[in-house]
Protein backbone atom coordinates (compact mmCIF):
# COMPACT_ATOMS: atom_id res chain seq x y z
CA MET A 1 -97.76 -160.00 181.23
CA ALA A 2 -95.16 -159.99 178.44
CA LEU A 3 -97.87 -160.06 175.77
CA GLU A 4 -99.64 -157.16 177.43
CA LEU A 5 -96.42 -155.13 177.51
CA ALA A 6 -95.76 -155.90 173.84
CA SER A 7 -99.25 -154.87 172.84
CA ASP A 8 -98.86 -151.69 174.85
CA MET A 9 -95.55 -150.87 173.15
CA THR A 10 -96.73 -151.48 169.57
CA PRO A 11 -98.72 -148.25 169.14
CA GLU A 12 -95.71 -146.27 170.42
CA MET A 13 -93.21 -147.96 168.06
CA GLY A 14 -95.43 -147.61 165.00
CA PRO A 15 -95.07 -143.86 164.47
CA ALA A 16 -91.35 -144.05 165.20
CA VAL A 17 -90.82 -146.70 162.53
CA GLU A 18 -92.98 -144.82 160.04
CA ARG A 19 -90.97 -141.67 160.64
CA LEU A 20 -87.68 -143.53 160.20
CA VAL A 21 -88.79 -145.14 156.94
CA PHE A 22 -90.02 -141.81 155.58
CA LEU A 23 -86.77 -140.02 156.48
CA LEU A 24 -84.66 -142.79 154.98
CA SER A 25 -86.62 -142.82 151.72
CA THR A 26 -86.54 -139.03 151.47
CA GLY A 27 -82.83 -139.05 152.25
CA LEU A 28 -82.17 -141.51 149.44
CA ALA A 29 -83.95 -139.27 146.93
CA ARG A 30 -82.06 -136.19 148.11
CA GLY A 31 -78.87 -138.20 148.22
CA ALA A 32 -79.33 -139.20 144.58
CA VAL A 33 -79.34 -135.52 143.62
CA LEU A 34 -76.26 -134.91 145.76
CA ALA A 35 -74.56 -137.89 144.12
CA LEU A 36 -75.24 -136.47 140.65
CA PHE A 37 -73.83 -133.07 141.57
CA ALA A 38 -70.86 -134.66 143.34
CA LEU A 39 -70.26 -136.74 140.20
CA SER A 40 -70.17 -133.53 138.15
CA LEU A 41 -67.43 -132.21 140.46
CA VAL A 42 -65.51 -135.46 140.10
CA ILE A 43 -65.75 -135.33 136.30
CA VAL A 44 -64.34 -131.82 136.08
CA TYR A 45 -61.64 -132.68 138.62
CA ARG A 46 -60.60 -135.71 136.61
CA ALA A 47 -60.56 -133.62 133.44
CA ALA A 48 -58.78 -130.50 134.70
CA ARG A 49 -57.32 -131.61 138.06
CA ALA A 50 -59.08 -128.68 139.70
CA VAL A 51 -62.28 -128.00 141.61
CA ASN A 52 -64.75 -125.74 139.81
CA PHE A 53 -65.99 -123.32 142.46
CA ALA A 54 -68.37 -121.81 139.91
CA GLN A 55 -70.23 -125.11 139.50
CA ALA A 56 -73.39 -123.96 141.31
CA ALA A 57 -73.74 -120.74 139.33
CA MET A 58 -73.01 -122.51 136.05
CA ALA A 59 -75.56 -125.21 136.91
CA ILE A 60 -78.37 -122.79 137.68
CA VAL A 61 -78.11 -120.98 134.32
CA PRO A 62 -79.46 -124.01 132.38
CA VAL A 63 -82.22 -124.36 134.98
CA TYR A 64 -83.40 -120.85 134.14
CA VAL A 65 -83.31 -121.82 130.46
CA ALA A 66 -85.43 -124.88 131.26
CA PHE A 67 -87.83 -122.70 133.27
CA ALA A 68 -88.21 -120.25 130.37
CA VAL A 69 -88.68 -123.01 127.77
CA THR A 70 -91.16 -124.91 129.93
CA SER A 71 -93.14 -121.73 130.63
CA ALA A 72 -93.30 -120.91 126.93
CA SER A 73 -93.99 -124.40 125.57
CA GLY A 74 -95.70 -126.12 128.49
CA SER A 75 -93.39 -129.13 128.07
CA TYR A 76 -91.17 -130.13 131.01
CA TRP A 77 -89.26 -132.59 128.83
CA LEU A 78 -88.38 -129.96 126.24
CA GLY A 79 -87.14 -127.73 129.05
CA LEU A 80 -85.08 -130.62 130.43
CA ALA A 81 -83.47 -131.25 127.05
CA CYS A 82 -82.69 -127.55 126.59
CA ALA A 83 -81.13 -127.44 130.07
CA LEU A 84 -78.77 -130.31 129.27
CA VAL A 85 -77.74 -128.76 125.95
CA THR A 86 -77.26 -125.34 127.55
CA GLY A 87 -75.16 -126.86 130.33
CA ALA A 88 -72.91 -128.65 127.86
CA LEU A 89 -72.47 -125.52 125.73
CA LEU A 90 -71.79 -123.36 128.79
CA GLY A 91 -69.15 -125.80 129.99
CA ALA A 92 -67.43 -125.74 126.60
CA VAL A 93 -67.50 -121.94 126.36
CA VAL A 94 -66.15 -121.39 129.86
CA GLU A 95 -63.36 -123.93 129.45
CA ARG A 96 -62.23 -122.94 125.95
CA TRP A 97 -62.54 -119.17 126.09
CA LEU A 98 -62.01 -118.41 129.76
CA LEU A 99 -60.28 -121.01 131.90
CA ARG A 100 -57.90 -122.12 129.15
CA LEU A 101 -56.44 -118.60 129.20
CA VAL A 102 -55.69 -118.81 132.92
CA PRO A 103 -52.17 -119.90 133.97
CA GLN A 104 -52.19 -123.56 134.99
CA ASP A 105 -49.03 -123.63 137.12
CA ASN A 106 -50.78 -121.90 140.04
CA PRO A 107 -54.34 -122.76 141.17
CA LEU A 108 -55.01 -119.31 142.66
CA PRO A 109 -55.79 -117.49 139.36
CA GLY A 110 -58.30 -120.21 138.46
CA ILE A 111 -60.04 -119.86 141.82
CA ILE A 112 -60.23 -116.07 141.44
CA VAL A 113 -61.65 -116.41 137.92
CA ALA A 114 -64.23 -118.93 139.18
CA ILE A 115 -65.34 -116.58 141.97
CA GLY A 116 -65.63 -113.74 139.46
CA LEU A 117 -67.65 -115.99 137.14
CA VAL A 118 -70.03 -116.78 140.02
CA MET A 119 -70.62 -113.09 140.64
CA VAL A 120 -71.18 -112.34 136.95
CA LEU A 121 -73.57 -115.24 136.34
CA GLN A 122 -75.65 -114.72 139.49
CA ALA A 123 -75.86 -110.96 138.94
CA GLY A 124 -76.81 -111.50 135.31
CA LEU A 125 -79.58 -113.92 136.28
CA ALA A 126 -80.88 -111.51 138.91
CA ILE A 127 -80.98 -108.71 136.34
CA ALA A 128 -82.62 -110.84 133.64
CA PHE A 129 -85.15 -112.75 135.75
CA GLY A 130 -85.24 -110.90 139.07
CA PRO A 131 -83.93 -112.02 142.48
CA ASP A 132 -87.23 -113.44 143.73
CA HIS A 133 -88.02 -117.13 144.11
CA ARG A 134 -89.95 -118.55 141.17
CA PRO A 135 -92.04 -121.66 141.81
CA VAL A 136 -91.04 -124.64 139.69
CA HIS A 137 -93.48 -127.52 139.38
CA ALA A 138 -92.34 -131.14 139.30
CA PRO A 139 -93.44 -133.33 136.39
CA PHE A 140 -94.86 -135.89 138.84
CA SER A 141 -96.71 -135.75 142.13
CA GLN A 142 -94.64 -135.11 145.26
CA ARG A 143 -97.22 -136.73 147.52
CA PRO A 144 -95.64 -139.85 149.10
CA PHE A 145 -97.04 -143.30 148.47
CA ASP A 146 -98.81 -144.91 151.42
CA VAL A 147 -97.55 -148.49 151.83
CA GLY A 148 -99.12 -150.29 154.76
CA GLY A 149 -99.82 -147.00 156.48
CA VAL A 150 -96.23 -145.84 156.06
CA SER A 151 -95.37 -142.84 153.87
CA VAL A 152 -92.50 -143.67 151.53
CA LEU A 153 -91.18 -142.25 148.27
CA SER A 154 -93.32 -140.00 146.11
CA PRO A 155 -93.64 -140.51 142.33
CA TYR A 156 -91.23 -137.61 141.84
CA ASP A 157 -88.72 -139.18 144.24
CA LEU A 158 -88.88 -142.40 142.22
CA PHE A 159 -88.31 -140.37 139.06
CA VAL A 160 -85.22 -138.76 140.63
CA LEU A 161 -83.82 -142.13 141.70
CA ILE A 162 -84.40 -143.64 138.25
CA VAL A 163 -82.77 -140.67 136.49
CA ALA A 164 -79.78 -140.80 138.84
CA ALA A 165 -79.39 -144.55 138.31
CA VAL A 166 -79.57 -144.19 134.53
CA VAL A 167 -77.01 -141.36 134.49
CA MET A 168 -74.65 -143.22 136.82
CA GLY A 169 -74.94 -146.36 134.72
CA GLY A 170 -74.37 -144.38 131.55
CA PHE A 171 -71.20 -142.81 132.91
CA ALA A 172 -69.96 -146.21 134.12
CA ILE A 173 -70.34 -147.56 130.60
CA LEU A 174 -68.81 -144.42 129.07
CA PHE A 175 -65.71 -144.39 131.28
CA ASN A 176 -65.03 -148.14 131.29
CA ARG A 177 -66.40 -149.53 128.03
CA THR A 178 -65.86 -146.91 125.32
CA SER A 179 -62.88 -145.41 123.53
CA ILE A 180 -63.95 -141.88 124.45
CA GLY A 181 -64.10 -142.84 128.11
CA LEU A 182 -60.63 -144.35 128.02
CA GLN A 183 -59.30 -141.22 126.33
CA LEU A 184 -60.93 -139.05 129.01
CA ARG A 185 -59.28 -141.09 131.75
CA ALA A 186 -55.91 -141.08 130.01
CA ALA A 187 -56.02 -137.33 129.38
CA ALA A 188 -56.84 -136.73 133.04
CA PHE A 189 -54.20 -138.95 134.65
CA ALA A 190 -51.33 -138.82 132.12
CA PRO A 191 -51.79 -135.88 129.73
CA GLU A 192 -48.22 -135.83 128.35
CA THR A 193 -48.17 -139.55 127.65
CA SER A 194 -51.65 -139.30 126.14
CA ARG A 195 -50.47 -136.61 123.71
CA LEU A 196 -47.67 -138.87 122.55
CA LEU A 197 -50.22 -141.63 121.95
CA GLY A 198 -52.40 -139.40 119.80
CA VAL A 199 -55.07 -138.38 122.32
CA ARG A 200 -56.31 -134.83 121.80
CA VAL A 201 -56.02 -133.77 125.42
CA PRO A 202 -57.52 -130.25 125.07
CA ARG A 203 -60.55 -131.71 123.33
CA MET A 204 -60.96 -134.30 126.10
CA VAL A 205 -60.73 -131.58 128.75
CA THR A 206 -63.46 -129.62 126.97
CA LEU A 207 -65.62 -132.74 126.75
CA GLY A 208 -65.11 -133.33 130.45
CA TRP A 209 -66.33 -129.82 131.23
CA MET A 210 -69.35 -130.29 128.97
CA LEU A 211 -70.34 -133.52 130.71
CA SER A 212 -69.72 -131.99 134.12
CA ILE A 213 -71.89 -128.89 133.71
CA ALA A 214 -74.67 -130.83 131.97
CA THR A 215 -74.75 -133.28 134.90
CA ALA A 216 -74.70 -130.44 137.45
CA ALA A 217 -77.56 -128.74 135.60
CA LEU A 218 -79.57 -131.96 135.70
CA ALA A 219 -79.00 -132.27 139.45
CA ALA A 220 -80.03 -128.66 140.05
CA LEU A 221 -83.12 -129.08 137.88
CA LEU A 222 -84.14 -132.14 139.87
CA LEU A 223 -83.61 -130.32 143.17
CA VAL A 224 -85.38 -127.01 142.51
CA PRO A 225 -89.00 -128.33 142.59
CA THR A 226 -88.40 -129.74 146.09
CA GLY A 227 -87.12 -126.45 147.54
CA LEU A 228 -88.29 -122.89 147.86
CA GLY A 229 -88.18 -122.35 144.11
CA LEU A 230 -85.80 -121.00 141.51
CA ASP A 231 -83.50 -118.06 142.22
CA PRO A 232 -79.88 -117.26 141.29
CA HIS A 233 -78.61 -118.88 144.51
CA ALA A 234 -80.82 -122.00 144.38
CA ALA A 235 -77.86 -124.38 143.87
CA ASP A 236 -75.48 -122.88 146.45
CA VAL A 237 -76.37 -125.25 149.30
CA LEU A 238 -76.44 -128.14 146.85
CA PHE A 239 -72.87 -127.30 145.84
CA VAL A 240 -71.67 -127.18 149.45
CA ASN A 241 -73.18 -130.56 150.36
CA ALA A 242 -72.13 -132.16 147.07
CA PHE A 243 -68.59 -130.85 147.45
CA ALA A 244 -68.47 -132.40 150.91
CA ALA A 245 -69.73 -135.67 149.44
CA ALA A 246 -67.14 -135.56 146.64
CA VAL A 247 -64.34 -135.02 149.15
CA ILE A 248 -65.65 -137.77 151.42
CA GLY A 249 -65.82 -140.23 148.54
CA GLY A 250 -62.62 -139.03 146.86
CA LEU A 251 -62.43 -136.29 144.27
CA ASP A 252 -61.20 -138.72 141.60
CA SER A 253 -63.74 -141.48 142.31
CA PRO A 254 -67.14 -141.61 140.59
CA VAL A 255 -68.10 -144.54 142.82
CA GLY A 256 -67.13 -142.48 145.85
CA ALA A 257 -69.37 -139.64 144.65
CA LEU A 258 -72.31 -142.04 144.36
CA VAL A 259 -71.85 -143.68 147.77
CA ALA A 260 -70.95 -140.52 149.65
CA GLY A 261 -73.80 -138.58 148.04
CA LEU A 262 -76.34 -141.13 149.24
CA VAL A 263 -74.77 -141.24 152.71
CA VAL A 264 -74.76 -137.44 153.05
CA GLY A 265 -78.35 -137.26 151.82
CA VAL A 266 -79.59 -139.84 154.30
CA LEU A 267 -77.55 -138.29 157.13
CA ALA A 268 -78.94 -134.81 156.44
CA SER A 269 -82.48 -136.17 156.26
CA LEU A 270 -82.19 -138.06 159.56
CA VAL A 271 -80.60 -135.15 161.40
CA THR A 272 -83.20 -132.75 160.04
CA GLY A 273 -86.03 -135.07 161.06
CA TYR A 274 -84.80 -135.90 164.53
CA ALA A 275 -83.01 -132.66 165.42
CA SER A 276 -83.40 -129.60 163.18
CA ALA A 277 -82.54 -128.35 159.72
CA ALA A 278 -79.92 -126.04 161.21
CA THR A 279 -78.09 -129.05 162.68
CA ALA A 280 -77.83 -130.98 159.40
CA PRO A 281 -74.87 -128.97 157.98
CA LEU A 282 -72.99 -129.53 161.24
CA ALA A 283 -73.53 -133.27 160.95
CA VAL A 284 -72.23 -133.27 157.37
CA LEU A 285 -69.22 -131.20 158.45
CA ALA A 286 -68.54 -133.61 161.31
CA LEU A 287 -68.65 -136.57 158.92
CA LEU A 288 -66.31 -134.77 156.53
CA THR A 289 -63.86 -134.01 159.34
CA VAL A 290 -63.80 -137.61 160.55
CA VAL A 291 -63.23 -138.98 157.04
CA LEU A 292 -60.41 -136.51 156.34
CA LEU A 293 -58.73 -137.46 159.61
CA VAL A 294 -58.94 -141.17 158.83
CA ARG A 295 -58.50 -141.08 155.02
CA PRO A 296 -57.31 -137.66 153.84
CA HIS A 297 -57.68 -138.61 150.17
CA GLY A 298 -61.28 -139.78 150.57
CA LEU A 299 -62.81 -143.18 151.15
CA PHE A 300 -62.60 -144.39 147.55
CA ALA A 301 -59.68 -142.35 146.23
CA ALA A 302 -56.64 -144.02 144.73
CA ARG A 303 -53.32 -142.52 145.71
CA GLU A 304 -51.85 -143.41 142.33
CA ALA A 305 -54.54 -141.38 140.56
CA ARG A 306 -53.85 -138.39 142.80
CA THR A 307 -50.18 -138.30 141.93
CA ALA A 308 -50.53 -139.18 138.23
């Protein structure tokens, strides 16, 4: 009797397990993109001790550059390289010739300038390229692999995970094993002391902005082929979810950005699969609320770094 019941239950459990595996694998790929964008927010926060609310608009500008270069040359990799360079240059220009002129004793002027920058960049993109969605093709197939009858990651998902892992590993080496990384950390946490020790703090802040916007542009470029296409607002939802992940992990913690990004990605995928896409933001907001109630500074944040 028990064997008969087990054999009767197996066909019913199969599709459920397949669905769970597919949602988990998809969530990991989306979470890797969220982790990259959350890392970009952490980098700029560590450099300037402020949240860049124009991150989404600044990230989507290099994606349009990549789209134009790829359309003209037919090379995705050339477009990717141009996007990273454009993101770094845009970060340097905005920090040196815009945000550096804003008073630093009050965060409100910086927030107002960031909101104005969002409006200018998105309006400029809409004028130059039009407000419509433009299809962006991935460099690899987005059809999932079939492993034992279960749909798992697609070749493009694997590409996203590999890129995210390489970037995260590169930043880990940069921040912990190089002189530049140590200067970036020192300039962020103790700028006055760093100046006395010979660290060029303004230059380190500019470098932090360059790395931040280049990373955000990479995340947006990886996300766009999986969505509706490219438009001036294509990175807005990415920013919201990544900001939630950065806060959950701790705004001064790169490790927190990685872990929280993956968690938020998997959570959103599971809620979307088992409930609805409209419920996913509520689940992320609920997670954010619980974490802030338990650990207001974030799961991986260091109190000493916050007050430095």
